[in-house]
């Protein structure tokens, strides 16, 4: 993955993860910390990639529709890793709020994952 592609995917990750953290309401600080750890440990982004992805010019003008469209265009394995990370964030407080369920469902639908999967 080129450096610019890495930043684009990292931006999708942080947008997806922040959306889930906001939907959860209860533990946004803990969930926000987990997003960086997951980005580096599982998705393999560098600290620099993470920092650039969160810059206003990269994430500031993105909507949830942009996020869903971008995740849909990723290779299936990478999209599934993003969904897995988002689910881990939602379960940080051992519950899922209705908005968390909705966001997870929208991401799963965007990457063609059925409930059976």
PDB file of N, CA and C in Angstrom:
ATOM      1  N   UNK A   1       0.859  -1.173   0.000  1.00  0.00           N
ATOM      2  CA  UNK A   1       0.000   0.000   0.000  1.00  0.00           C
ATOM      3  C   UNK A   1       0.905   1.236   0.000  1.00  0.00           C
ATOM      4  N   UNK A   2       0.610   2.171  -0.878  1.00  0.00           N
ATOM      5  CA  UNK A   2       1.397   3.404  -0.953  1.00  0.00           C
ATOM      6  C   UNK A   2       1.121   4.268   0.280  1.00  0.00           C
ATOM      7  N   UNK A   3       2.011   5.218   0.577  1.00  0.00           N
ATOM      8  CA  UNK A   3       1.776   6.098   1.727  1.00  0.00           C
ATOM      9  C   UNK A   3       0.437   6.846   1.651  1.00  0.00           C
ATOM     10  N   UNK A   4       0.061   7.313   0.464  1.00  0.00           N
ATOM     11  CA  UNK A   4      -1.211   8.032   0.360  1.00  0.00           C
ATOM     12  C   UNK A   4      -2.399   7.086   0.549  1.00  0.00           C
ATOM     13  N   UNK A   5      -2.292   5.863   0.028  1.00  0.00           N
ATOM     14  CA  UNK A   5      -3.364   4.875   0.242  1.00  0.00           C
ATOM     15  C   UNK A   5      -3.459   4.515   1.717  1.00  0.00           C
ATOM     16  N   UNK A   6      -2.326   4.388   2.368  1.00  0.00           N
ATOM     17  CA  UNK A   6      -2.312   4.066   3.787  1.00  0.00           C
ATOM     18  C   UNK A   6      -3.022   5.144   4.593  1.00  0.00           C
ATOM     19  N   UNK A   7      -2.785   6.385   4.253  1.00  0.00           N
ATOM     20  CA  UNK A   7      -3.442   7.489   4.959  1.00  0.00           C
ATOM     21  C   UNK A   7      -4.938   7.494   4.660  1.00  0.00           C
ATOM     22  N   UNK A   8      -5.323   7.198   3.428  1.00  0.00           N
ATOM     23  CA  UNK A   8      -6.755   7.126   3.088  1.00  0.00           C
ATOM     24  C   UNK A   8      -7.456   6.031   3.890  1.00  0.00           C
ATOM     25  N   UNK A   9      -6.836   4.859   3.983  1.00  0.00           N
ATOM     26  CA  UNK A   9      -7.439   3.752   4.733  1.00  0.00           C
ATOM     27  C   UNK A   9      -7.449   4.073   6.225  1.00  0.00           C
ATOM     28  N   UNK A  10      -6.381   4.670   6.712  1.00  0.00           N
ATOM     29  CA  UNK A  10      -6.351   5.070   8.124  1.00  0.00           C
ATOM     30  C   UNK A  10      -7.447   6.087   8.416  1.00  0.00           C
ATOM     31  N   UNK A  11      -7.674   7.000   7.486  1.00  0.00           N
ATOM     32  CA  UNK A  11      -8.754   7.979   7.655  1.00  0.00           C
ATOM     33  C   UNK A  11     -10.102   7.270   7.729  1.00  0.00           C
ATOM     34  N   UNK A  12     -10.316   6.283   6.861  1.00  0.00           N
ATOM     35  CA  UNK A  12     -11.565   5.499   6.924  1.00  0.00           C
ATOM     36  C   UNK A  12     -11.693   4.811   8.269  1.00  0.00           C
ATOM     37  N   UNK A  13     -10.581   4.250   8.753  1.00  0.00           N
ATOM     38  CA  UNK A  13     -10.616   3.570  10.049  1.00  0.00           C
ATOM     39  C   UNK A  13     -11.025   4.542  11.151  1.00  0.00           C
ATOM     40  N   UNK A  14     -10.357   5.689  11.228  1.00  0.00           N
ATOM     41  CA  UNK A  14     -10.659   6.622  12.310  1.00  0.00           C
ATOM     42  C   UNK A  14     -12.066   7.186  12.200  1.00  0.00           C
ATOM     43  N   UNK A  15     -12.561   7.405  11.002  1.00  0.00           N
ATOM     44  CA  UNK A  15     -13.933   7.862  10.830  1.00  0.00           C
ATOM     45  C   UNK A  15     -14.913   6.783  11.291  1.00  0.00           C
ATOM     46  N   UNK A  16     -14.664   5.537  10.903  1.00  0.00           N
ATOM     47  CA  UNK A  16     -15.524   4.424  11.326  1.00  0.00           C
ATOM     48  C   UNK A  16     -15.508   4.269  12.840  1.00  0.00           C
ATOM     49  N   UNK A  17     -14.306   4.310  13.404  1.00  0.00           N
ATOM     50  CA  UNK A  17     -14.156   4.100  14.844  1.00  0.00           C
ATOM     51  C   UNK A  17     -14.748   5.251  15.658  1.00  0.00           C
ATOM     52  N   UNK A  18     -14.517   6.471  15.214  1.00  0.00           N
ATOM     53  CA  UNK A  18     -15.081   7.617  15.934  1.00  0.00           C
ATOM     54  C   UNK A  18     -16.602   7.606  15.876  1.00  0.00           C
ATOM     55  N   UNK A  19     -17.134   7.180  14.760  1.00  0.00           N
ATOM     56  CA  UNK A  19     -18.594   7.082  14.643  1.00  0.00           C
ATOM     57  C   UNK A  19     -19.141   6.095  15.666  1.00  0.00           C
ATOM     58  N   UNK A  20     -18.447   4.972  15.826  1.00  0.00           N
ATOM     59  CA  UNK A  20     -18.888   3.982  16.814  1.00  0.00           C
ATOM     60  C   UNK A  20     -18.727   4.522  18.227  1.00  0.00           C
ATOM     61  N   UNK A  21     -17.634   5.214  18.500  1.00  0.00           N
ATOM     62  CA  UNK A  21     -17.420   5.769  19.834  1.00  0.00           C
ATOM     63  C   UNK A  21     -18.504   6.787  20.188  1.00  0.00           C
ATOM     64  N   UNK A  22     -18.882   7.613  19.233  1.00  0.00           N
ATOM     65  CA  UNK A  22     -19.939   8.600  19.465  1.00  0.00           C
ATOM     66  C   UNK A  22     -21.281   7.903  19.669  1.00  0.00           C
ATOM     67  N   UNK A  23     -21.522   6.848  18.920  1.00  0.00           N
ATOM     68  CA  UNK A  23     -22.781   6.110  19.060  1.00  0.00           C
ATOM     69  C   UNK A  23     -22.894   5.466  20.432  1.00  0.00           C
ATOM     70  N   UNK A  24     -21.753   5.106  21.020  1.00  0.00           N
ATOM     71  CA  UNK A  24     -21.769   4.440  22.315  1.00  0.00           C
ATOM     72  C   UNK A  24     -22.050   5.347  23.487  1.00  0.00           C
ATOM     73  N   UNK A  25     -21.675   6.592  23.401  1.00  0.00           N
ATOM     74  CA  UNK A  25     -21.968   7.618  24.396  1.00  0.00           C
ATOM     75  C   UNK A  25     -21.229   7.472  25.717  1.00  0.00           C
ATOM     76  N   UNK A  26     -20.990   6.265  26.223  1.00  0.00           N
ATOM     77  CA  UNK A  26     -20.527   6.084  27.597  1.00  0.00           C
ATOM     78  C   UNK A  26     -19.027   6.223  27.817  1.00  0.00           C
ATOM     79  N   UNK A  27     -18.212   5.739  26.913  1.00  0.00           N
ATOM     80  CA  UNK A  27     -16.774   5.677  27.149  1.00  0.00           C
ATOM     81  C   UNK A  27     -15.957   6.250  25.998  1.00  0.00           C
ATOM     82  N   UNK A  28     -16.280   7.423  25.500  1.00  0.00           N
ATOM     83  CA  UNK A  28     -15.584   7.910  24.312  1.00  0.00           C
ATOM     84  C   UNK A  28     -14.076   8.066  24.496  1.00  0.00           C
ATOM     85  N   UNK A  29     -13.592   8.456  25.671  1.00  0.00           N
ATOM     86  CA  UNK A  29     -12.149   8.630  25.861  1.00  0.00           C
ATOM     87  C   UNK A  29     -11.428   7.291  25.756  1.00  0.00           C
ATOM     88  N   UNK A  30     -11.968   6.271  26.391  1.00  0.00           N
ATOM     89  CA  UNK A  30     -11.362   4.939  26.332  1.00  0.00           C
ATOM     90  C   UNK A  30     -11.454   4.392  24.917  1.00  0.00           C
ATOM     91  N   UNK A  31     -12.597   4.553  24.292  1.00  0.00           N
ATOM     92  CA  UNK A  31     -12.774   4.065  22.932  1.00  0.00           C
ATOM     93  C   UNK A  31     -11.860   4.797  21.964  1.00  0.00           C
ATOM     94  N   UNK A  32     -11.675   6.093  22.155  1.00  0.00           N
ATOM     95  CA  UNK A  32     -10.792   6.863  21.278  1.00  0.00           C
ATOM     96  C   UNK A  32      -9.354   6.370  21.425  1.00  0.00           C
ATOM     97  N   UNK A  33      -8.942   6.058  22.630  1.00  0.00           N
ATOM     98  CA  UNK A  33      -7.593   5.516  22.838  1.00  0.00           C
ATOM     99  C   UNK A  33      -7.440   4.172  22.143  1.00  0.00           C
ATOM    100  N   UNK A  34      -8.462   3.363  22.211  1.00  0.00           N
ATOM    101  CA  UNK A  34      -8.412   2.037  21.581  1.00  0.00           C
ATOM    102  C   UNK A  34      -8.294   2.134  20.070  1.00  0.00           C
ATOM    103  N   UNK A  35      -8.816   3.191  19.482  1.00  0.00           N
ATOM    104  CA  UNK A  35      -8.755   3.310  18.021  1.00  0.00           C
ATOM    105  C   UNK A  35      -7.318   3.397  17.525  1.00  0.00           C
ATOM    106  N   UNK A  36      -6.480   4.148  18.228  1.00  0.00           N
ATOM    107  CA  UNK A  36      -5.079   4.266  17.837  1.00  0.00           C
ATOM    108  C   UNK A  36      -4.314   2.973  18.034  1.00  0.00           C
ATOM    109  N   UNK A  37      -4.585   2.296  19.138  1.00  0.00           N
ATOM    110  CA  UNK A  37      -3.913   1.020  19.392  1.00  0.00           C
ATOM    111  C   UNK A  37      -4.273  -0.008  18.327  1.00  0.00           C
ATOM    112  N   UNK A  38      -5.546  -0.101  17.999  1.00  0.00           N
ATOM    113  CA  UNK A  38      -5.996  -1.050  16.978  1.00  0.00           C
ATOM    114  C   UNK A  38      -5.403  -0.686  15.615  1.00  0.00           C
ATOM    115  N   UNK A  39      -5.376   0.591  15.304  1.00  0.00           N
ATOM    116  CA  UNK A  39      -4.845   1.043  14.016  1.00  0.00           C
ATOM    117  C   UNK A  39      -3.405   0.592  13.835  1.00  0.00           C
ATOM    118  N   UNK A  40      -2.631   0.672  14.892  1.00  0.00           N
ATOM    119  CA  UNK A  40      -1.222   0.314  14.786  1.00  0.00           C
ATOM    120  C   UNK A  40      -0.994  -1.185  14.948  1.00  0.00           C
ATOM    121  N   UNK A  41      -1.621  -1.796  15.935  1.00  0.00           N
ATOM    122  CA  UNK A  41      -1.352  -3.206  16.233  1.00  0.00           C
ATOM    123  C   UNK A  41      -1.986  -4.161  15.229  1.00  0.00           C
ATOM    124  N   UNK A  42      -3.177  -3.906  14.793  1.00  0.00           N
ATOM    125  CA  UNK A  42      -3.895  -4.841  13.917  1.00  0.00           C
ATOM    126  C   UNK A  42      -3.841  -4.397  12.455  1.00  0.00           C
ATOM    127  N   UNK A  43      -4.114  -3.136  12.207  1.00  0.00           N
ATOM    128  CA  UNK A  43      -4.158  -2.654  10.830  1.00  0.00           C
ATOM    129  C   UNK A  43      -2.769  -2.295  10.290  1.00  0.00           C
ATOM    130  N   UNK A  44      -1.794  -2.147  11.171  1.00  0.00           N
ATOM    131  CA  UNK A  44      -0.415  -1.929  10.751  1.00  0.00           C
ATOM    132  C   UNK A  44      -0.058  -0.519  10.330  1.00  0.00           C
ATOM    133  N   UNK A  45      -0.831   0.456  10.747  1.00  0.00           N
ATOM    134  CA  UNK A  45      -0.513   1.836  10.415  1.00  0.00           C
ATOM    135  C   UNK A  45       0.600   2.354  11.323  1.00  0.00           C
ATOM    136  N   UNK A  46       1.403   3.247  10.804  1.00  0.00           N
ATOM    137  CA  UNK A  46       2.438   3.875  11.613  1.00  0.00           C
ATOM    138  C   UNK A  46       1.814   5.012  12.419  1.00  0.00           C
ATOM    139  N   UNK A  47       2.555   5.481  13.399  1.00  0.00           N
ATOM    140  CA  UNK A  47       2.102   6.632  14.172  1.00  0.00           C
ATOM    141  C   UNK A  47       1.905   7.835  13.253  1.00  0.00           C
ATOM    142  N   UNK A  48       2.781   7.990  12.283  1.00  0.00           N
ATOM    143  CA  UNK A  48       2.687   9.090  11.326  1.00  0.00           C
ATOM    144  C   UNK A  48       1.420   8.972  10.473  1.00  0.00           C
ATOM    145  N   UNK A  49       1.105   7.748  10.011  1.00  0.00           N
ATOM    146  CA  UNK A  49      -0.134   7.526   9.252  1.00  0.00           C
ATOM    147  C   UNK A  49      -1.345   7.949  10.089  1.00  0.00           C
ATOM    148  N   UNK A  50      -1.347   7.537  11.342  1.00  0.00           N
ATOM    149  CA  UNK A  50      -2.475   7.844  12.225  1.00  0.00           C
ATOM    150  C   UNK A  50      -2.616   9.348  12.422  1.00  0.00           C
ATOM    151  N   UNK A  51      -1.503  10.005  12.656  1.00  0.00           N
ATOM    152  CA  UNK A  51      -1.526  11.451  12.867  1.00  0.00           C
ATOM    153  C   UNK A  51      -2.047  12.165  11.615  1.00  0.00           C
ATOM    154  N   UNK A  52      -1.524  11.773  10.451  1.00  0.00           N
ATOM    155  CA  UNK A  52      -1.959  12.418   9.202  1.00  0.00           C
ATOM    156  C   UNK A  52      -3.428  12.132   8.908  1.00  0.00           C
ATOM    157  N   UNK A  53      -3.871  10.912   9.181  1.00  0.00           N
ATOM    158  CA  UNK A  53      -5.268  10.554   8.913  1.00  0.00           C
ATOM    159  C   UNK A  53      -6.234  11.425   9.706  1.00  0.00           C
ATOM    160  N   UNK A  54      -5.806  11.842  10.898  1.00  0.00           N
ATOM    161  CA  UNK A  54      -6.679  12.634  11.759  1.00  0.00           C
ATOM    162  C   UNK A  54      -6.562  14.137  11.521  1.00  0.00           C
ATOM    163  N   UNK A  55      -5.716  14.525  10.569  1.00  0.00           N
ATOM    164  CA  UNK A  55      -5.610  15.953  10.248  1.00  0.00           C
ATOM    165  C   UNK A  55      -6.894  16.443   9.596  1.00  0.00           C
ATOM    166  N   UNK A  56      -7.203  17.680   9.842  1.00  0.00           N
ATOM    167  CA  UNK A  56      -8.433  18.295   9.315  1.00  0.00           C
ATOM    168  C   UNK A  56      -8.563  18.106   7.803  1.00  0.00           C
ATOM    169  N   UNK A  57      -7.474  18.258   7.074  1.00  0.00           N
ATOM    170  CA  UNK A  57      -7.549  18.156   5.610  1.00  0.00           C
ATOM    171  C   UNK A  57      -7.920  16.752   5.144  1.00  0.00           C
ATOM    172  N   UNK A  58      -7.683  15.736   5.951  1.00  0.00           N
ATOM    173  CA  UNK A  58      -7.991  14.363   5.558  1.00  0.00           C
ATOM    174  C   UNK A  58      -9.334  13.869   6.088  1.00  0.00           C
ATOM    175  N   UNK A  59      -9.671  14.227   7.308  1.00  0.00           N
ATOM    176  CA  UNK A  59     -10.892  13.672   7.899  1.00  0.00           C
ATOM    177  C   UNK A  59     -11.990  14.721   8.065  1.00  0.00           C
ATOM    178  N   UNK A  60     -11.621  15.984   8.037  1.00  0.00           N
ATOM    179  CA  UNK A  60     -12.552  17.062   8.358  1.00  0.00           C
ATOM    180  C   UNK A  60     -13.761  17.186   7.453  1.00  0.00           C
ATOM    181  N   UNK A  61     -13.621  16.836   6.196  1.00  0.00           N
ATOM    182  CA  UNK A  61     -14.741  17.008   5.268  1.00  0.00           C
ATOM    183  C   UNK A  61     -15.438  15.702   4.927  1.00  0.00           C
ATOM    184  N   UNK A  62     -15.111  14.624   5.625  1.00  0.00           N
ATOM    185  CA  UNK A  62     -15.691  13.308   5.340  1.00  0.00           C
ATOM    186  C   UNK A  62     -17.015  13.123   6.078  1.00  0.00           C
ATOM    187  N   UNK A  63     -17.944  12.480   5.406  1.00  0.00           N
ATOM    188  CA  UNK A  63     -19.239  12.160   6.002  1.00  0.00           C
ATOM    189  C   UNK A  63     -19.323  10.655   6.227  1.00  0.00           C
ATOM    190  N   UNK A  64     -20.378  10.223   6.876  1.00  0.00           N
ATOM    191  CA  UNK A  64     -20.583   8.786   7.064  1.00  0.00           C
ATOM    192  C   UNK A  64     -20.811   8.085   5.731  1.00  0.00           C
ATOM    193  N   UNK A  65     -21.412   8.774   4.798  1.00  0.00           N
ATOM    194  CA  UNK A  65     -21.606   8.209   3.458  1.00  0.00           C
ATOM    195  C   UNK A  65     -20.254   7.979   2.792  1.00  0.00           C
ATOM    196  N   UNK A  66     -19.342   8.945   2.933  1.00  0.00           N
ATOM    197  CA  UNK A  66     -17.984   8.772   2.406  1.00  0.00           C
ATOM    198  C   UNK A  66     -17.321   7.556   3.039  1.00  0.00           C
ATOM    199  N   UNK A  67     -17.520   7.411   4.324  1.00  0.00           N
ATOM    200  CA  UNK A  67     -16.935   6.285   5.047  1.00  0.00           C
ATOM    201  C   UNK A  67     -17.464   4.957   4.516  1.00  0.00           C
ATOM    202  N   UNK A  68     -18.766   4.840   4.405  1.00  0.00           N
ATOM    203  CA  UNK A  68     -19.367   3.597   3.917  1.00  0.00           C
ATOM    204  C   UNK A  68     -18.925   3.291   2.495  1.00  0.00           C
ATOM    205  N   UNK A  69     -18.883   4.309   1.661  1.00  0.00           N
ATOM    206  CA  UNK A  69     -18.446   4.127   0.282  1.00  0.00           C
ATOM    207  C   UNK A  69     -16.978   3.695   0.232  1.00  0.00           C
ATOM    208  N   UNK A  70     -16.155   4.326   1.038  1.00  0.00           N
ATOM    209  CA  UNK A  70     -14.738   3.982   1.063  1.00  0.00           C
ATOM    210  C   UNK A  70     -14.472   2.583   1.569  1.00  0.00           C
ATOM    211  N   UNK A  71     -15.161   2.201   2.628  1.00  0.00           N
ATOM    212  CA  UNK A  71     -14.986   0.856   3.182  1.00  0.00           C
ATOM    213  C   UNK A  71     -15.449  -0.185   2.172  1.00  0.00           C
ATOM    214  N   UNK A  72     -16.509   0.112   1.463  1.00  0.00           N
ATOM    215  CA  UNK A  72     -17.027  -0.816   0.449  1.00  0.00           C
ATOM    216  C   UNK A  72     -15.996  -1.083  -0.647  1.00  0.00           C
ATOM    217  N   UNK A  73     -15.162  -0.112  -0.938  1.00  0.00           N
ATOM    218  CA  UNK A  73     -14.174  -0.245  -2.006  1.00  0.00           C
ATOM    219  C   UNK A  73     -12.880  -0.938  -1.567  1.00  0.00           C
ATOM    220  N   UNK A  74     -12.733  -1.185  -0.280  1.00  0.00           N
ATOM    221  CA  UNK A  74     -11.523  -1.840   0.224  1.00  0.00           C
ATOM    222  C   UNK A  74     -11.539  -3.329  -0.105  1.00  0.00           C
ATOM    223  N   UNK A  75     -10.378  -3.952  -0.112  1.00  0.00           N
ATOM    224  CA  UNK A  75     -10.354  -5.416  -0.213  1.00  0.00           C
ATOM    225  C   UNK A  75     -11.132  -6.006   0.967  1.00  0.00           C
ATOM    226  N   UNK A  76     -11.839  -7.085   0.722  1.00  0.00           N
ATOM    227  CA  UNK A  76     -12.746  -7.664   1.725  1.00  0.00           C
ATOM    228  C   UNK A  76     -12.049  -7.909   3.066  1.00  0.00           C
ATOM    229  N   UNK A  77     -10.851  -8.464   3.028  1.00  0.00           N
ATOM    230  CA  UNK A  77     -10.151  -8.780   4.276  1.00  0.00           C
ATOM    231  C   UNK A  77      -9.882  -7.521   5.107  1.00  0.00           C
ATOM    232  N   UNK A  78      -9.464  -6.460   4.461  1.00  0.00           N
ATOM    233  CA  UNK A  78      -9.205  -5.204   5.166  1.00  0.00           C
ATOM    234  C   UNK A  78     -10.503  -4.591   5.687  1.00  0.00           C
ATOM    235  N   UNK A  79     -11.548  -4.631   4.897  1.00  0.00           N
ATOM    236  CA  UNK A  79     -12.852  -4.116   5.331  1.00  0.00           C
ATOM    237  C   UNK A  79     -13.353  -4.897   6.543  1.00  0.00           C
ATOM    238  N   UNK A  80     -13.139  -6.202   6.546  1.00  0.00           N
ATOM    239  CA  UNK A  80     -13.553  -7.024   7.686  1.00  0.00           C
ATOM    240  C   UNK A  80     -12.742  -6.692   8.934  1.00  0.00           C
ATOM    241  N   UNK A  81     -11.460  -6.363   8.761  1.00  0.00           N
ATOM    242  CA  UNK A  81     -10.650  -5.949   9.905  1.00  0.00           C
ATOM    243  C   UNK A  81     -11.179  -4.648  10.493  1.00  0.00           C
ATOM    244  N   UNK A  82     -11.599  -3.746   9.644  1.00  0.00           N
ATOM    245  CA  UNK A  82     -12.177  -2.494  10.131  1.00  0.00           C
ATOM    246  C   UNK A  82     -13.473  -2.772  10.884  1.00  0.00           C
ATOM    247  N   UNK A  83     -14.322  -3.618  10.325  1.00  0.00           N
ATOM    248  CA  UNK A  83     -15.571  -3.968  11.012  1.00  0.00           C
ATOM    249  C   UNK A  83     -15.279  -4.636  12.354  1.00  0.00           C
ATOM    250  N   UNK A  84     -14.316  -5.524  12.392  1.00  0.00           N
ATOM    251  CA  UNK A  84     -13.956  -6.198  13.646  1.00  0.00           C
ATOM    252  C   UNK A  84     -13.502  -5.179  14.688  1.00  0.00           C
ATOM    253  N   UNK A  85     -12.669  -4.234  14.266  1.00  0.00           N
ATOM    254  CA  UNK A  85     -12.210  -3.206  15.196  1.00  0.00           C
ATOM    255  C   UNK A  85     -13.343  -2.345  15.718  1.00  0.00           C
ATOM    256  N   UNK A  86     -14.256  -1.996  14.845  1.00  0.00           N
ATOM    257  CA  UNK A  86     -15.413  -1.197  15.249  1.00  0.00           C
ATOM    258  C   UNK A  86     -16.264  -1.973  16.258  1.00  0.00           C
ATOM    259  N   UNK A  87     -16.413  -3.261  16.026  1.00  0.00           N
ATOM    260  CA  UNK A  87     -17.185  -4.090  16.966  1.00  0.00           C
ATOM    261  C   UNK A  87     -16.476  -4.179  18.328  1.00  0.00           C
ATOM    262  N   UNK A  88     -15.148  -4.263  18.318  1.00  0.00           N
ATOM    263  CA  UNK A  88     -14.399  -4.285  19.575  1.00  0.00           C
ATOM    264  C   UNK A  88     -14.619  -2.990  20.351  1.00  0.00           C
ATOM    265  N   UNK A  89     -14.649  -1.891  19.646  1.00  0.00           N
ATOM    266  CA  UNK A  89     -14.893  -0.604  20.300  1.00  0.00           C
ATOM    267  C   UNK A  89     -16.294  -0.575  20.893  1.00  0.00           C
ATOM    268  N   UNK A  90     -17.260  -1.088  20.162  1.00  0.00           N
ATOM    269  CA  UNK A  90     -18.633  -1.055  20.663  1.00  0.00           C
ATOM    270  C   UNK A  90     -18.805  -1.925  21.900  1.00  0.00           C
ATOM    271  N   UNK A  91     -18.054  -3.003  21.990  1.00  0.00           N
ATOM    272  CA  UNK A  91     -18.167  -3.905  23.137  1.00  0.00           C
ATOM    273  C   UNK A  91     -17.265  -3.527  24.306  1.00  0.00           C
ATOM    274  N   UNK A  92     -16.577  -2.385  24.220  1.00  0.00           N
ATOM    275  CA  UNK A  92     -15.681  -1.961  25.294  1.00  0.00           C
ATOM    276  C   UNK A  92     -16.422  -1.836  26.626  1.00  0.00           C
ATOM    277  N   UNK A  93     -17.691  -1.491  26.582  1.00  0.00           N
ATOM    278  CA  UNK A  93     -18.480  -1.384  27.813  1.00  0.00           C
ATOM    279  C   UNK A  93     -19.415  -2.584  28.000  1.00  0.00           C
ATOM    280  N   UNK A  94     -19.193  -3.629  27.209  1.00  0.00           N
ATOM    281  CA  UNK A  94     -19.924  -4.905  27.282  1.00  0.00           C
ATOM    282  C   UNK A  94     -21.404  -4.793  26.921  1.00  0.00           C
ATOM    283  N   UNK A  95     -21.771  -3.735  26.226  1.00  0.00           N
ATOM    284  CA  UNK A  95     -23.144  -3.591  25.738  1.00  0.00           C
ATOM    285  C   UNK A  95     -23.089  -2.945  24.359  1.00  0.00           C
ATOM    286  N   UNK A  96     -24.196  -3.026  23.656  1.00  0.00           N
ATOM    287  CA  UNK A  96     -24.324  -2.297  22.390  1.00  0.00           C
ATOM    288  C   UNK A  96     -25.600  -1.478  22.435  1.00  0.00           C
ATOM    289  N   UNK A  97     -25.420  -0.197  22.267  1.00  0.00           N
ATOM    290  CA  UNK A  97     -26.556   0.718  22.205  1.00  0.00           C
ATOM    291  C   UNK A  97     -27.190   0.628  20.822  1.00  0.00           C
ATOM    292  N   UNK A  98     -28.440   1.051  20.680  1.00  0.00           N
ATOM    293  CA  UNK A  98     -29.104   0.979  19.374  1.00  0.00           C
ATOM    294  C   UNK A  98     -28.320   1.657  18.247  1.00  0.00           C
ATOM    295  N   UNK A  99     -27.718   2.804  18.508  1.00  0.00           N
ATOM    296  CA  UNK A  99     -26.943   3.476  17.454  1.00  0.00           C
ATOM    297  C   UNK A  99     -25.688   2.685  17.090  1.00  0.00           C
ATOM    298  N   UNK A 100     -25.096   1.996  18.070  1.00  0.00           N
ATOM    299  CA  UNK A 100     -23.930   1.152  17.786  1.00  0.00           C
ATOM    300  C   UNK A 100     -24.334  -0.011  16.886  1.00  0.00           C
ATOM    301  N   UNK A 101     -25.464  -0.611  17.194  1.00  0.00           N
ATOM    302  CA  UNK A 101     -25.960  -1.710  16.374  1.00  0.00           C
ATOM    303  C   UNK A 101     -26.224  -1.216  14.959  1.00  0.00           C
ATOM    304  N   UNK A 102     -26.805  -0.059  14.846  1.00  0.00           N
ATOM    305  CA  UNK A 102     -27.119   0.508  13.522  1.00  0.00           C
ATOM    306  C   UNK A 102     -25.842   0.766  12.715  1.00  0.00           C
ATOM    307  N   UNK A 103     -24.822   1.356  13.353  1.00  0.00           N
ATOM    308  CA  UNK A 103     -23.586   1.656  12.638  1.00  0.00           C
ATOM    309  C   UNK A 103     -22.879   0.362  12.223  1.00  0.00           C
ATOM    310  N   UNK A 104     -22.828  -0.608  13.110  1.00  0.00           N
ATOM    311  CA  UNK A 104     -22.216  -1.900  12.770  1.00  0.00           C
ATOM    312  C   UNK A 104     -22.961  -2.558  11.620  1.00  0.00           C
ATOM    313  N   UNK A 105     -24.276  -2.473  11.652  1.00  0.00           N
ATOM    314  CA  UNK A 105     -25.095  -3.051  10.592  1.00  0.00           C
ATOM    315  C   UNK A 105     -24.846  -2.352   9.258  1.00  0.00           C
ATOM    316  N   UNK A 106     -24.715  -1.046   9.281  1.00  0.00           N
ATOM    317  CA  UNK A 106     -24.464  -0.297   8.054  1.00  0.00           C
ATOM    318  C   UNK A 106     -23.094  -0.647   7.466  1.00  0.00           C
ATOM    319  N   UNK A 107     -22.081  -0.764   8.320  1.00  0.00           N
ATOM    320  CA  UNK A 107     -20.758  -1.159   7.842  1.00  0.00           C
ATOM    321  C   UNK A 107     -20.784  -2.572   7.270  1.00  0.00           C
ATOM    322  N   UNK A 108     -21.424  -3.486   7.987  1.00  0.00           N
ATOM    323  CA  UNK A 108     -21.504  -4.872   7.515  1.00  0.00           C
ATOM    324  C   UNK A 108     -22.220  -4.948   6.169  1.00  0.00           C
ATOM    325  N   UNK A 109     -23.265  -4.184   6.039  1.00  0.00           N
ATOM    326  CA  UNK A 109     -24.004  -4.153   4.778  1.00  0.00           C
ATOM    327  C   UNK A 109     -23.146  -3.581   3.648  1.00  0.00           C
ATOM    328  N   UNK A 110     -22.361  -2.564   3.955  1.00  0.00           N
ATOM    329  CA  UNK A 110     -21.509  -1.942   2.941  1.00  0.00           C
ATOM    330  C   UNK A 110     -20.481  -2.916   2.400  1.00  0.00           C
ATOM    331  N   UNK A 111     -20.047  -3.865   3.219  1.00  0.00           N
ATOM    332  CA  UNK A 111     -19.032  -4.825   2.753  1.00  0.00           C
ATOM    333  C   UNK A 111     -19.636  -6.202   2.496  1.00  0.00           C
ATOM    334  N   UNK A 112     -20.956  -6.235   2.383  1.00  0.00           N
ATOM    335  CA  UNK A 112     -21.674  -7.468   2.040  1.00  0.00           C
ATOM    336  C   UNK A 112     -21.437  -8.605   3.019  1.00  0.00           C
ATOM    337  N   UNK A 113     -21.523  -8.298   4.302  1.00  0.00           N
ATOM    338  CA  UNK A 113     -21.451  -9.345   5.326  1.00  0.00           C
ATOM    339  C   UNK A 113     -22.864  -9.562   5.844  1.00  0.00           C
ATOM    340  N   UNK A 114     -23.295 -10.791   5.782  1.00  0.00           N
ATOM    341  CA  UNK A 114     -24.649 -11.114   6.235  1.00  0.00           C
ATOM    342  C   UNK A 114     -24.620 -11.526   7.707  1.00  0.00           C
ATOM    343  N   UNK A 115     -25.765 -11.555   8.376  1.00  0.00           N
ATOM    344  CA  UNK A 115     -25.809 -12.022   9.760  1.00  0.00           C
ATOM    345  C   UNK A 115     -25.242 -13.435   9.932  1.00  0.00           C
ATOM    346  N   UNK A 116     -25.370 -14.258   8.919  1.00  0.00           N
ATOM    347  CA  UNK A 116     -24.838 -15.619   9.011  1.00  0.00           C
ATOM    348  C   UNK A 116     -23.313 -15.624   9.050  1.00  0.00           C
ATOM    349  N   UNK A 117     -22.706 -14.655   8.374  1.00  0.00           N
ATOM    350  CA  UNK A 117     -21.235 -14.561   8.360  1.00  0.00           C
ATOM    351  C   UNK A 117     -20.725 -14.215   9.737  1.00  0.00           C
TER     352      UNK A 117
END
